[in-house]
Amino acid sequence: MEMIFLSFGNTYAASKKEDDELHDKCCQKAEQVFKNEMAKNAGAFRVSNYYCHYNKRLNKCFMLEIFAKKIGDPLTKMIVDVNENKLYGYCGEGVADKKYDCESPMWKSILKDTMEE
């Protein structure tokens, strides 16, 4: 039996390029949303950062926001769908809905499902 392997190098490159473009757009939007949030809450947080991730499987742009009111305070982490402005969950202090313990299996599952592929 003879086996034939086909290579579609250009197809992969186009998909990779499209993925990179979607990731870049996601991170630009996440940066804009993060800056707007920080401007609205000026002075409320001493420690703040974010990470963006385009989830190809879900075709969604997510942002993990990390903040604390002051240095040394426990960190609060929030996962947000950037385009829908939807909170997927958070751990730490501050938000009344969808709170999880940062070490809980549920939080780790949400983190993995949104911020990893």
PDB file of N, CA and C in Angstrom:
ATOM      1  N   MET A   1       0.850  -1.178   0.000  1.00  0.00           N
ATOM      2  CA  MET A   1       0.000   0.000   0.000  1.00  0.00           C
ATOM      3  C   MET A   1       0.897   1.243   0.000  1.00  0.00           C
ATOM      4  N   GLU A   2       0.588   2.147  -0.875  1.00  0.00           N
ATOM      5  CA  GLU A   2       1.354   3.385  -0.981  1.00  0.00           C
ATOM      6  C   GLU A   2       0.625   4.496  -0.237  1.00  0.00           C
ATOM      7  N   MET A   3       1.358   5.267   0.558  1.00  0.00           N
ATOM      8  CA  MET A   3       0.761   6.378   1.286  1.00  0.00           C
ATOM      9  C   MET A   3       1.195   7.681   0.635  1.00  0.00           C
ATOM     10  N   ILE A   4       0.263   8.594   0.524  1.00  0.00           N
ATOM     11  CA  ILE A   4       0.539   9.898  -0.073  1.00  0.00           C
ATOM     12  C   ILE A   4       0.316  10.962   0.988  1.00  0.00           C
ATOM     13  N   PHE A   5       1.283  11.827   1.164  1.00  0.00           N
ATOM     14  CA  PHE A   5       1.171  12.931   2.104  1.00  0.00           C
ATOM     15  C   PHE A   5       1.113  14.238   1.333  1.00  0.00           C
ATOM     16  N   LEU A   6       0.149  15.030   1.654  1.00  0.00           N
ATOM     17  CA  LEU A   6       0.011  16.328   1.004  1.00  0.00           C
ATOM     18  C   LEU A   6       0.400  17.417   1.986  1.00  0.00           C
ATOM     19  N   SER A   7       1.085  18.402   1.491  1.00  0.00           N
ATOM     20  CA  SER A   7       1.475  19.530   2.327  1.00  0.00           C
ATOM     21  C   SER A   7       0.788  20.785   1.830  1.00  0.00           C
ATOM     22  N   PHE A   8       0.192  21.493   2.731  1.00  0.00           N
ATOM     23  CA  PHE A   8      -0.473  22.744   2.402  1.00  0.00           C
ATOM     24  C   PHE A   8       0.219  23.878   3.144  1.00  0.00           C
ATOM     25  N   GLY A   9       1.465  24.100   2.856  1.00  0.00           N
ATOM     26  CA  GLY A   9       2.259  25.103   3.557  1.00  0.00           C
ATOM     27  C   GLY A   9       1.628  26.484   3.553  1.00  0.00           C
ATOM     28  N   ASN A  10       1.100  26.939   2.442  1.00  0.00           N
ATOM     29  CA  ASN A  10       0.503  28.269   2.372  1.00  0.00           C
ATOM     30  C   ASN A  10      -0.746  28.379   3.224  1.00  0.00           C
ATOM     31  N   THR A  11      -1.521  27.292   3.298  1.00  0.00           N
ATOM     32  CA  THR A  11      -2.727  27.311   4.111  1.00  0.00           C
ATOM     33  C   THR A  11      -2.364  27.521   5.576  1.00  0.00           C
ATOM     34  N   TYR A  12      -1.349  26.818   6.047  1.00  0.00           N
ATOM     35  CA  TYR A  12      -0.935  26.968   7.438  1.00  0.00           C
ATOM     36  C   TYR A  12      -0.421  28.381   7.688  1.00  0.00           C
ATOM     37  N   ALA A  13       0.375  28.903   6.751  1.00  0.00           N
ATOM     38  CA  ALA A  13       0.916  30.250   6.916  1.00  0.00           C
ATOM     39  C   ALA A  13      -0.212  31.276   6.977  1.00  0.00           C
ATOM     40  N   ALA A  14      -1.229  31.110   6.124  1.00  0.00           N
ATOM     41  CA  ALA A  14      -2.358  32.042   6.137  1.00  0.00           C
ATOM     42  C   ALA A  14      -3.102  31.940   7.462  1.00  0.00           C
ATOM     43  N   SER A  15      -3.325  30.716   7.945  1.00  0.00           N
ATOM     44  CA  SER A  15      -4.001  30.532   9.225  1.00  0.00           C
ATOM     45  C   SER A  15      -3.181  31.130  10.352  1.00  0.00           C
ATOM     46  N   LYS A  16      -1.903  30.915  10.327  1.00  0.00           N
ATOM     47  CA  LYS A  16      -1.013  31.470  11.351  1.00  0.00           C
ATOM     48  C   LYS A  16      -1.051  32.990  11.286  1.00  0.00           C
ATOM     49  N   LYS A  17      -1.018  33.531  10.085  1.00  0.00           N
ATOM     50  CA  LYS A  17      -1.066  34.983   9.921  1.00  0.00           C
ATOM     51  C   LYS A  17      -2.393  35.529  10.442  1.00  0.00           C
ATOM     52  N   GLU A  18      -3.481  34.870  10.090  1.00  0.00           N
ATOM     53  CA  GLU A  18      -4.794  35.305  10.580  1.00  0.00           C
ATOM     54  C   GLU A  18      -4.868  35.223  12.097  1.00  0.00           C
ATOM     55  N   ASP A  19      -4.335  34.137  12.664  1.00  0.00           N
ATOM     56  CA  ASP A  19      -4.313  33.992  14.122  1.00  0.00           C
ATOM     57  C   ASP A  19      -3.514  35.116  14.771  1.00  0.00           C
ATOM     58  N   ASP A  20      -2.380  35.436  14.186  1.00  0.00           N
ATOM     59  CA  ASP A  20      -1.547  36.515  14.720  1.00  0.00           C
ATOM     60  C   ASP A  20      -2.273  37.857  14.655  1.00  0.00           C
ATOM     61  N   GLU A  21      -2.986  38.086  13.547  1.00  0.00           N
ATOM     62  CA  GLU A  21      -3.741  39.339  13.404  1.00  0.00           C
ATOM     63  C   GLU A  21      -4.871  39.424  14.427  1.00  0.00           C
ATOM     64  N   LEU A  22      -5.580  38.307  14.630  1.00  0.00           N
ATOM     65  CA  LEU A  22      -6.656  38.286  15.619  1.00  0.00           C
ATOM     66  C   LEU A  22      -6.106  38.506  17.027  1.00  0.00           C
ATOM     67  N   HIS A  23      -4.956  37.893  17.311  1.00  0.00           N
ATOM     68  CA  HIS A  23      -4.318  38.089  18.616  1.00  0.00           C
ATOM     69  C   HIS A  23      -3.917  39.559  18.806  1.00  0.00           C
ATOM     70  N   ASP A  24      -3.334  40.150  17.774  1.00  0.00           N
ATOM     71  CA  ASP A  24      -2.915  41.559  17.858  1.00  0.00           C
ATOM     72  C   ASP A  24      -4.112  42.482  18.077  1.00  0.00           C
ATOM     73  N   LYS A  25      -5.193  42.245  17.345  1.00  0.00           N
ATOM     74  CA  LYS A  25      -6.409  43.057  17.520  1.00  0.00           C
ATOM     75  C   LYS A  25      -6.976  42.884  18.922  1.00  0.00           C
ATOM     76  N   CYS A  26      -6.946  41.667  19.396  1.00  0.00           N
ATOM     77  CA  CYS A  26      -7.434  41.365  20.747  1.00  0.00           C
ATOM     78  C   CYS A  26      -6.630  42.156  21.778  1.00  0.00           C
ATOM     79  N   CYS A  27      -5.317  42.118  21.656  1.00  0.00           N
ATOM     80  CA  CYS A  27      -4.460  42.798  22.639  1.00  0.00           C
ATOM     81  C   CYS A  27      -4.594  44.317  22.550  1.00  0.00           C
ATOM     82  N   GLN A  28      -4.801  44.842  21.355  1.00  0.00           N
ATOM     83  CA  GLN A  28      -5.024  46.291  21.218  1.00  0.00           C
ATOM     84  C   GLN A  28      -6.323  46.698  21.910  1.00  0.00           C
ATOM     85  N   LYS A  29      -7.362  45.921  21.701  1.00  0.00           N
ATOM     86  CA  LYS A  29      -8.653  46.203  22.338  1.00  0.00           C
ATOM     87  C   LYS A  29      -8.544  46.044  23.862  1.00  0.00           C
ATOM     88  N   ALA A  30      -7.860  45.001  24.316  1.00  0.00           N
ATOM     89  CA  ALA A  30      -7.680  44.771  25.757  1.00  0.00           C
ATOM     90  C   ALA A  30      -6.916  45.935  26.386  1.00  0.00           C
ATOM     91  N   GLU A  31      -5.899  46.414  25.715  1.00  0.00           N
ATOM     92  CA  GLU A  31      -5.136  47.553  26.232  1.00  0.00           C
ATOM     93  C   GLU A  31      -6.030  48.778  26.376  1.00  0.00           C
ATOM     94  N   GLN A  32      -6.850  49.025  25.374  1.00  0.00           N
ATOM     95  CA  GLN A  32      -7.768  50.170  25.401  1.00  0.00           C
ATOM     96  C   GLN A  32      -8.760  50.031  26.564  1.00  0.00           C
ATOM     97  N   VAL A  33      -9.353  48.860  26.713  1.00  0.00           N
ATOM     98  CA  VAL A  33     -10.313  48.620  27.795  1.00  0.00           C
ATOM     99  C   VAL A  33      -9.635  48.779  29.153  1.00  0.00           C
ATOM    100  N   PHE A  34      -8.436  48.216  29.295  1.00  0.00           N
ATOM    101  CA  PHE A  34      -7.708  48.302  30.564  1.00  0.00           C
ATOM    102  C   PHE A  34      -7.399  49.760  30.916  1.00  0.00           C
ATOM    103  N   LYS A  35      -6.908  50.516  29.949  1.00  0.00           N
ATOM    104  CA  LYS A  35      -6.595  51.929  30.203  1.00  0.00           C
ATOM    105  C   LYS A  35      -7.840  52.714  30.591  1.00  0.00           C
ATOM    106  N   ASN A  36      -8.961  52.439  29.923  1.00  0.00           N
ATOM    107  CA  ASN A  36     -10.217  53.112  30.269  1.00  0.00           C
ATOM    108  C   ASN A  36     -10.660  52.763  31.683  1.00  0.00           C
ATOM    109  N   GLU A  37     -10.545  51.497  32.048  1.00  0.00           N
ATOM    110  CA  GLU A  37     -10.916  51.066  33.405  1.00  0.00           C
ATOM    111  C   GLU A  37     -10.032  51.745  34.455  1.00  0.00           C
ATOM    112  N   MET A  38      -8.751  51.807  34.176  1.00  0.00           N
ATOM    113  CA  MET A  38      -7.834  52.430  35.133  1.00  0.00           C
ATOM    114  C   MET A  38      -8.102  53.939  35.234  1.00  0.00           C
ATOM    115  N   ALA A  39      -8.457  54.572  34.125  1.00  0.00           N
ATOM    116  CA  ALA A  39      -8.777  56.009  34.151  1.00  0.00           C
ATOM    117  C   ALA A  39     -10.037  56.263  34.974  1.00  0.00           C
ATOM    118  N   LYS A  40     -11.043  55.380  34.825  1.00  0.00           N
ATOM    119  CA  LYS A  40     -12.284  55.531  35.598  1.00  0.00           C
ATOM    120  C   LYS A  40     -12.044  55.327  37.091  1.00  0.00           C
ATOM    121  N   ASN A  41     -11.072  54.510  37.415  1.00  0.00           N
ATOM    122  CA  ASN A  41     -10.768  54.180  38.812  1.00  0.00           C
ATOM    123  C   ASN A  41      -9.436  54.783  39.246  1.00  0.00           C
ATOM    124  N   ALA A  42      -9.127  55.958  38.732  1.00  0.00           N
ATOM    125  CA  ALA A  42      -7.837  56.607  39.011  1.00  0.00           C
ATOM    126  C   ALA A  42      -7.584  56.677  40.510  1.00  0.00           C
ATOM    127  N   GLY A  43      -6.438  56.194  40.895  1.00  0.00           N
ATOM    128  CA  GLY A  43      -6.039  56.259  42.296  1.00  0.00           C
ATOM    129  C   GLY A  43      -6.577  55.130  43.161  1.00  0.00           C
ATOM    130  N   ALA A  44      -7.497  54.324  42.630  1.00  0.00           N
ATOM    131  CA  ALA A  44      -8.095  53.252  43.427  1.00  0.00           C
ATOM    132  C   ALA A  44      -7.158  52.054  43.576  1.00  0.00           C
ATOM    133  N   PHE A  45      -6.271  51.866  42.592  1.00  0.00           N
ATOM    134  CA  PHE A  45      -5.385  50.704  42.616  1.00  0.00           C
ATOM    135  C   PHE A  45      -3.932  51.135  42.521  1.00  0.00           C
ATOM    136  N   ARG A  46      -3.110  50.548  43.367  1.00  0.00           N
ATOM    137  CA  ARG A  46      -1.677  50.839  43.334  1.00  0.00           C
ATOM    138  C   ARG A  46      -0.935  49.820  42.476  1.00  0.00           C
ATOM    139  N   VAL A  47      -1.473  48.643  42.406  1.00  0.00           N
ATOM    140  CA  VAL A  47      -0.854  47.572  41.630  1.00  0.00           C
ATOM    141  C   VAL A  47      -1.880  47.125  40.591  1.00  0.00           C
ATOM    142  N   SER A  48      -1.510  47.186  39.324  1.00  0.00           N
ATOM    143  CA  SER A  48      -2.444  46.726  38.297  1.00  0.00           C
ATOM    144  C   SER A  48      -1.684  46.280  37.054  1.00  0.00           C
ATOM    145  N   ASN A  49      -2.241  45.271  36.415  1.00  0.00           N
ATOM    146  CA  ASN A  49      -1.655  44.759  35.183  1.00  0.00           C
ATOM    147  C   ASN A  49      -2.732  43.940  34.463  1.00  0.00           C
ATOM    148  N   TYR A  50      -2.466  43.579  33.235  1.00  0.00           N
ATOM    149  CA  TYR A  50      -3.397  42.748  32.488  1.00  0.00           C
ATOM    150  C   TYR A  50      -2.628  41.880  31.502  1.00  0.00           C
ATOM    151  N   TYR A  51      -3.266  40.807  31.112  1.00  0.00           N
ATOM    152  CA  TYR A  51      -2.747  39.922  30.078  1.00  0.00           C
ATOM    153  C   TYR A  51      -3.885  39.673  29.104  1.00  0.00           C
ATOM    154  N   CYS A  52      -3.585  39.728  27.825  1.00  0.00           N
ATOM    155  CA  CYS A  52      -4.611  39.466  26.819  1.00  0.00           C
ATOM    156  C   CYS A  52      -4.358  38.106  26.188  1.00  0.00           C
ATOM    157  N   HIS A  53      -5.433  37.514  25.689  1.00  0.00           N
ATOM    158  CA  HIS A  53      -5.306  36.219  25.015  1.00  0.00           C
ATOM    159  C   HIS A  53      -6.456  36.050  24.030  1.00  0.00           C
ATOM    160  N   TYR A  54      -6.118  35.804  22.773  1.00  0.00           N
ATOM    161  CA  TYR A  54      -7.135  35.440  21.791  1.00  0.00           C
ATOM    162  C   TYR A  54      -7.278  33.925  21.843  1.00  0.00           C
ATOM    163  N   ASN A  55      -8.450  33.463  22.221  1.00  0.00           N
ATOM    164  CA  ASN A  55      -8.727  32.041  22.313  1.00  0.00           C
ATOM    165  C   ASN A  55      -9.302  31.579  20.979  1.00  0.00           C
ATOM    166  N   LYS A  56      -8.480  30.899  20.230  1.00  0.00           N
ATOM    167  CA  LYS A  56      -8.863  30.470  18.877  1.00  0.00           C
ATOM    168  C   LYS A  56     -10.039  29.499  18.912  1.00  0.00           C
ATOM    169  N   ARG A  57     -10.020  28.570  19.853  1.00  0.00           N
ATOM    170  CA  ARG A  57     -11.082  27.566  19.944  1.00  0.00           C
ATOM    171  C   ARG A  57     -12.449  28.210  20.183  1.00  0.00           C
ATOM    172  N   LEU A  58     -12.485  29.230  21.041  1.00  0.00           N
ATOM    173  CA  LEU A  58     -13.743  29.908  21.360  1.00  0.00           C
ATOM    174  C   LEU A  58     -13.998  31.130  20.479  1.00  0.00           C
ATOM    175  N   ASN A  59     -12.979  31.529  19.704  1.00  0.00           N
ATOM    176  CA  ASN A  59     -13.050  32.732  18.874  1.00  0.00           C
ATOM    177  C   ASN A  59     -13.436  33.942  19.723  1.00  0.00           C
ATOM    178  N   LYS A  60     -12.725  34.094  20.838  1.00  0.00           N
ATOM    179  CA  LYS A  60     -13.008  35.192  21.770  1.00  0.00           C
ATOM    180  C   LYS A  60     -11.706  35.825  22.250  1.00  0.00           C
ATOM    181  N   CYS A  61     -11.837  37.081  22.612  1.00  0.00           N
ATOM    182  CA  CYS A  61     -10.714  37.837  23.159  1.00  0.00           C
ATOM    183  C   CYS A  61     -10.918  37.968  24.668  1.00  0.00           C
ATOM    184  N   PHE A  62      -9.966  37.453  25.437  1.00  0.00           N
ATOM    185  CA  PHE A  62     -10.051  37.509  26.890  1.00  0.00           C
ATOM    186  C   PHE A  62      -8.938  38.368  27.466  1.00  0.00           C
ATOM    187  N   MET A  63      -9.242  38.911  28.622  1.00  0.00           N
ATOM    188  CA  MET A  63      -8.247  39.690  29.357  1.00  0.00           C
ATOM    189  C   MET A  63      -8.268  39.221  30.803  1.00  0.00           C
ATOM    190  N   LEU A  64      -7.090  38.953  31.334  1.00  0.00           N
ATOM    191  CA  LEU A  64      -6.919  38.661  32.745  1.00  0.00           C
ATOM    192  C   LEU A  64      -6.403  39.938  33.384  1.00  0.00           C
ATOM    193  N   GLU A  65      -7.231  40.549  34.223  1.00  0.00           N
ATOM    194  CA  GLU A  65      -6.839  41.760  34.939  1.00  0.00           C
ATOM    195  C   GLU A  65      -6.373  41.364  36.335  1.00  0.00           C
ATOM    196  N   ILE A  66      -5.276  41.960  36.770  1.00  0.00           N
ATOM    197  CA  ILE A  66      -4.733  41.687  38.094  1.00  0.00           C
ATOM    198  C   ILE A  66      -4.524  43.025  38.785  1.00  0.00           C
ATOM    199  N   PHE A  67      -5.078  43.166  39.980  1.00  0.00           N
ATOM    200  CA  PHE A  67      -4.931  44.441  40.681  1.00  0.00           C
ATOM    201  C   PHE A  67      -5.034  44.270  42.185  1.00  0.00           C
ATOM    202  N   ALA A  68      -4.534  45.274  42.888  1.00  0.00           N
ATOM    203  CA  ALA A  68      -4.627  45.364  44.346  1.00  0.00           C
ATOM    204  C   ALA A  68      -4.737  46.835  44.709  1.00  0.00           C
ATOM    205  N   LYS A  69      -5.407  47.114  45.819  1.00  0.00           N
ATOM    206  CA  LYS A  69      -5.593  48.504  46.244  1.00  0.00           C
ATOM    207  C   LYS A  69      -4.280  49.145  46.662  1.00  0.00           C
ATOM    208  N   LYS A  70      -3.415  48.348  47.265  1.00  0.00           N
ATOM    209  CA  LYS A  70      -2.098  48.876  47.629  1.00  0.00           C
ATOM    210  C   LYS A  70      -1.085  47.740  47.636  1.00  0.00           C
ATOM    211  N   ILE A  71       0.159  48.110  47.571  1.00  0.00           N
ATOM    212  CA  ILE A  71       1.233  47.123  47.569  1.00  0.00           C
ATOM    213  C   ILE A  71       1.149  46.324  48.854  1.00  0.00           C
ATOM    214  N   GLY A  72       1.212  45.013  48.708  1.00  0.00           N
ATOM    215  CA  GLY A  72       1.125  44.123  49.859  1.00  0.00           C
ATOM    216  C   GLY A  72      -0.263  43.539  50.066  1.00  0.00           C
ATOM    217  N   ASP A  73      -1.287  44.164  49.477  1.00  0.00           N
ATOM    218  CA  ASP A  73      -2.649  43.625  49.565  1.00  0.00           C
ATOM    219  C   ASP A  73      -2.760  42.367  48.705  1.00  0.00           C
ATOM    220  N   PRO A  74      -3.718  41.497  49.045  1.00  0.00           N
ATOM    221  CA  PRO A  74      -3.947  40.334  48.174  1.00  0.00           C
ATOM    222  C   PRO A  74      -4.374  40.789  46.782  1.00  0.00           C
ATOM    223  N   LEU A  75      -3.954  40.044  45.780  1.00  0.00           N
ATOM    224  CA  LEU A  75      -4.310  40.376  44.406  1.00  0.00           C
ATOM    225  C   LEU A  75      -5.705  39.890  44.068  1.00  0.00           C
ATOM    226  N   THR A  76      -6.413  40.680  43.283  1.00  0.00           N
ATOM    227  CA  THR A  76      -7.679  40.273  42.698  1.00  0.00           C
ATOM    228  C   THR A  76      -7.412  40.009  41.224  1.00  0.00           C
ATOM    229  N   LYS A  77      -7.964  38.903  40.728  1.00  0.00           N
ATOM    230  CA  LYS A  77      -7.782  38.526  39.323  1.00  0.00           C
ATOM    231  C   LYS A  77      -9.157  38.360  38.697  1.00  0.00           C
ATOM    232  N   MET A  78      -9.346  38.988  37.537  1.00  0.00           N
ATOM    233  CA  MET A  78     -10.621  38.922  36.832  1.00  0.00           C
ATOM    234  C   MET A  78     -10.395  38.488  35.389  1.00  0.00           C
ATOM    235  N   ILE A  79     -11.265  37.603  34.903  1.00  0.00           N
ATOM    236  CA  ILE A  79     -11.230  37.210  33.497  1.00  0.00           C
ATOM    237  C   ILE A  79     -12.455  37.808  32.820  1.00  0.00           C
ATOM    238  N   VAL A  80     -12.186  38.601  31.775  1.00  0.00           N
ATOM    239  CA  VAL A  80     -13.241  39.331  31.082  1.00  0.00           C
ATOM    240  C   VAL A  80     -13.182  39.030  29.592  1.00  0.00           C
ATOM    241  N   ASP A  81     -14.359  38.832  28.989  1.00  0.00           N
ATOM    242  CA  ASP A  81     -14.461  38.782  27.537  1.00  0.00           C
ATOM    243  C   ASP A  81     -14.407  40.234  27.077  1.00  0.00           C
ATOM    244  N   VAL A  82     -13.371  40.609  26.389  1.00  0.00           N
ATOM    245  CA  VAL A  82     -13.112  42.005  26.038  1.00  0.00           C
ATOM    246  C   VAL A  82     -14.198  42.581  25.133  1.00  0.00           C
ATOM    247  N   ASN A  83     -14.624  41.840  24.142  1.00  0.00           N
ATOM    248  CA  ASN A  83     -15.592  42.372  23.182  1.00  0.00           C
ATOM    249  C   ASN A  83     -17.012  42.429  23.726  1.00  0.00           C
ATOM    250  N   GLU A  84     -17.364  41.490  24.572  1.00  0.00           N
ATOM    251  CA  GLU A  84     -18.716  41.460  25.129  1.00  0.00           C
ATOM    252  C   GLU A  84     -18.806  42.133  26.497  1.00  0.00           C
ATOM    253  N   ASN A  85     -17.657  42.533  27.036  1.00  0.00           N
ATOM    254  CA  ASN A  85     -17.595  43.136  28.371  1.00  0.00           C
ATOM    255  C   ASN A  85     -18.297  42.234  29.391  1.00  0.00           C
ATOM    256  N   LYS A  86     -17.991  40.940  29.304  1.00  0.00           N
ATOM    257  CA  LYS A  86     -18.630  39.938  30.159  1.00  0.00           C
ATOM    258  C   LYS A  86     -17.607  39.373  31.137  1.00  0.00           C
ATOM    259  N   LEU A  87     -17.961  39.395  32.409  1.00  0.00           N
ATOM    260  CA  LEU A  87     -17.109  38.829  33.450  1.00  0.00           C
ATOM    261  C   LEU A  87     -17.300  37.317  33.462  1.00  0.00           C
ATOM    262  N   TYR A  88     -16.200  36.574  33.276  1.00  0.00           N
ATOM    263  CA  TYR A  88     -16.269  35.118  33.317  1.00  0.00           C
ATOM    264  C   TYR A  88     -16.042  34.606  34.733  1.00  0.00           C
ATOM    265  N   GLY A  89     -15.310  35.346  35.512  1.00  0.00           N
ATOM    266  CA  GLY A  89     -15.062  34.952  36.889  1.00  0.00           C
ATOM    267  C   GLY A  89     -13.921  35.755  37.455  1.00  0.00           C
ATOM    268  N   TYR A  90     -13.807  35.718  38.769  1.00  0.00           N
ATOM    269  CA  TYR A  90     -12.697  36.398  39.419  1.00  0.00           C
ATOM    270  C   TYR A  90     -12.366  35.692  40.713  1.00  0.00           C
ATOM    271  N   CYS A  91     -11.174  35.927  41.177  1.00  0.00           N
ATOM    272  CA  CYS A  91     -10.783  35.439  42.491  1.00  0.00           C
ATOM    273  C   CYS A  91     -10.115  36.598  43.219  1.00  0.00           C
ATOM    274  N   GLY A  92     -10.304  36.635  44.488  1.00  0.00           N
ATOM    275  CA  GLY A  92      -9.759  37.721  45.295  1.00  0.00           C
ATOM    276  C   GLY A  92     -10.874  38.509  45.924  1.00  0.00           C
ATOM    277  N   GLU A  93     -10.693  39.810  46.002  1.00  0.00           N
ATOM    278  CA  GLU A  93     -11.657  40.672  46.672  1.00  0.00           C
ATOM    279  C   GLU A  93     -12.253  41.677  45.706  1.00  0.00           C
ATOM    280  N   GLY A  94     -13.462  42.160  46.007  1.00  0.00           N
ATOM    281  CA  GLY A  94     -13.973  43.315  45.299  1.00  0.00           C
ATOM    282  C   GLY A  94     -15.228  43.167  44.478  1.00  0.00           C
ATOM    283  N   VAL A  95     -15.440  42.060  43.806  1.00  0.00           N
ATOM    284  CA  VAL A  95     -16.595  41.931  42.933  1.00  0.00           C
ATOM    285  C   VAL A  95     -17.581  40.957  43.596  1.00  0.00           C
ATOM    286  N   ALA A  96     -18.857  41.276  43.555  1.00  0.00           N
ATOM    287  CA  ALA A  96     -19.852  40.489  44.287  1.00  0.00           C
ATOM    288  C   ALA A  96     -20.294  39.221  43.566  1.00  0.00           C
ATOM    289  N   ASP A  97     -20.159  39.166  42.250  1.00  0.00           N
ATOM    290  CA  ASP A  97     -20.687  38.044  41.475  1.00  0.00           C
ATOM    291  C   ASP A  97     -19.549  37.228  40.876  1.00  0.00           C
ATOM    292  N   LYS A  98     -19.739  35.926  40.767  1.00  0.00           N
ATOM    293  CA  LYS A  98     -18.804  35.007  40.108  1.00  0.00           C
ATOM    294  C   LYS A  98     -17.438  34.962  40.790  1.00  0.00           C
ATOM    295  N   LYS A  99     -17.439  34.961  42.132  1.00  0.00           N
ATOM    296  CA  LYS A  99     -16.189  34.926  42.889  1.00  0.00           C
ATOM    297  C   LYS A  99     -15.776  33.489  43.185  1.00  0.00           C
ATOM    298  N   TYR A 100     -14.477  33.235  43.042  1.00  0.00           N
ATOM    299  CA  TYR A 100     -13.910  31.925  43.326  1.00  0.00           C
ATOM    300  C   TYR A 100     -12.672  32.096  44.187  1.00  0.00           C
ATOM    301  N   ASP A 101     -12.332  31.071  44.919  1.00  0.00           N
ATOM    302  CA  ASP A 101     -11.053  31.019  45.610  1.00  0.00           C
ATOM    303  C   ASP A 101      -9.982  30.837  44.534  1.00  0.00           C
ATOM    304  N   CYS A 102      -8.886  31.576  44.634  1.00  0.00           N
ATOM    305  CA  CYS A 102      -7.840  31.530  43.599  1.00  0.00           C
ATOM    306  C   CYS A 102      -7.185  30.148  43.462  1.00  0.00           C
ATOM    307  N   GLU A 103      -7.331  29.318  44.486  1.00  0.00           N
ATOM    308  CA  GLU A 103      -6.749  27.974  44.431  1.00  0.00           C
ATOM    309  C   GLU A 103      -7.792  26.908  44.085  1.00  0.00           C
ATOM    310  N   SER A 104      -9.035  27.317  43.877  1.00  0.00           N
ATOM    311  CA  SER A 104     -10.102  26.337  43.638  1.00  0.00           C
ATOM    312  C   SER A 104      -9.988  25.719  42.250  1.00  0.00           C
ATOM    313  N   PRO A 105     -10.423  24.474  42.121  1.00  0.00           N
ATOM    314  CA  PRO A 105     -10.436  23.825  40.805  1.00  0.00           C
ATOM    315  C   PRO A 105     -11.306  24.580  39.796  1.00  0.00           C
ATOM    316  N   MET A 106     -12.405  25.177  40.253  1.00  0.00           N
ATOM    317  CA  MET A 106     -13.291  25.903  39.344  1.00  0.00           C
ATOM    318  C   MET A 106     -12.573  27.113  38.745  1.00  0.00           C
ATOM    319  N   TRP A 107     -11.888  27.909  39.573  1.00  0.00           N
ATOM    320  CA  TRP A 107     -11.146  29.066  39.069  1.00  0.00           C
ATOM    321  C   TRP A 107     -10.067  28.617  38.089  1.00  0.00           C
ATOM    322  N   LYS A 108      -9.333  27.580  38.456  1.00  0.00           N
ATOM    323  CA  LYS A 108      -8.265  27.078  37.587  1.00  0.00           C
ATOM    324  C   LYS A 108      -8.836  26.576  36.256  1.00  0.00           C
ATOM    325  N   SER A 109     -10.019  25.983  36.299  1.00  0.00           N
ATOM    326  CA  SER A 109     -10.672  25.517  35.075  1.00  0.00           C
ATOM    327  C   SER A 109     -11.087  26.695  34.190  1.00  0.00           C
ATOM    328  N   ILE A 110     -11.657  27.731  34.789  1.00  0.00           N
ATOM    329  CA  ILE A 110     -12.046  28.922  34.023  1.00  0.00           C
ATOM    330  C   ILE A 110     -10.807  29.573  33.408  1.00  0.00           C
ATOM    331  N   LEU A 111      -9.761  29.680  34.190  1.00  0.00           N
ATOM    332  CA  LEU A 111      -8.503  30.266  33.715  1.00  0.00           C
ATOM    333  C   LEU A 111      -7.962  29.475  32.534  1.00  0.00           C
ATOM    334  N   LYS A 112      -7.946  28.163  32.655  1.00  0.00           N
ATOM    335  CA  LYS A 112      -7.437  27.313  31.577  1.00  0.00           C
ATOM    336  C   LYS A 112      -8.322  27.405  30.335  1.00  0.00           C
ATOM    337  N   ASP A 113      -9.646  27.353  30.518  1.00  0.00           N
ATOM    338  CA  ASP A 113     -10.560  27.374  29.367  1.00  0.00           C
ATOM    339  C   ASP A 113     -10.542  28.683  28.597  1.00  0.00           C
ATOM    340  N   THR A 114     -10.193  29.774  29.250  1.00  0.00           N
ATOM    341  CA  THR A 114     -10.230  31.077  28.580  1.00  0.00           C
ATOM    342  C   THR A 114      -8.857  31.564  28.152  1.00  0.00           C
ATOM    343  N   MET A 115      -7.859  31.404  29.003  1.00  0.00           N
ATOM    344  CA  MET A 115      -6.550  32.007  28.762  1.00  0.00           C
ATOM    345  C   MET A 115      -5.523  31.053  28.152  1.00  0.00           C
ATOM    346  N   GLU A 116      -5.914  29.809  27.928  1.00  0.00           N
ATOM    347  CA  GLU A 116      -5.021  28.847  27.277  1.00  0.00           C
ATOM    348  C   GLU A 116      -5.763  28.230  26.101  1.00  0.00           C
ATOM    349  N   GLU A 117      -5.021  27.611  25.209  1.00  0.00           N
ATOM    350  CA  GLU A 117      -5.676  26.937  24.079  1.00  0.00           C
ATOM    351  C   GLU A 117      -5.578  25.442  24.260  1.00  0.00           C
TER     352      GLU A 117
END
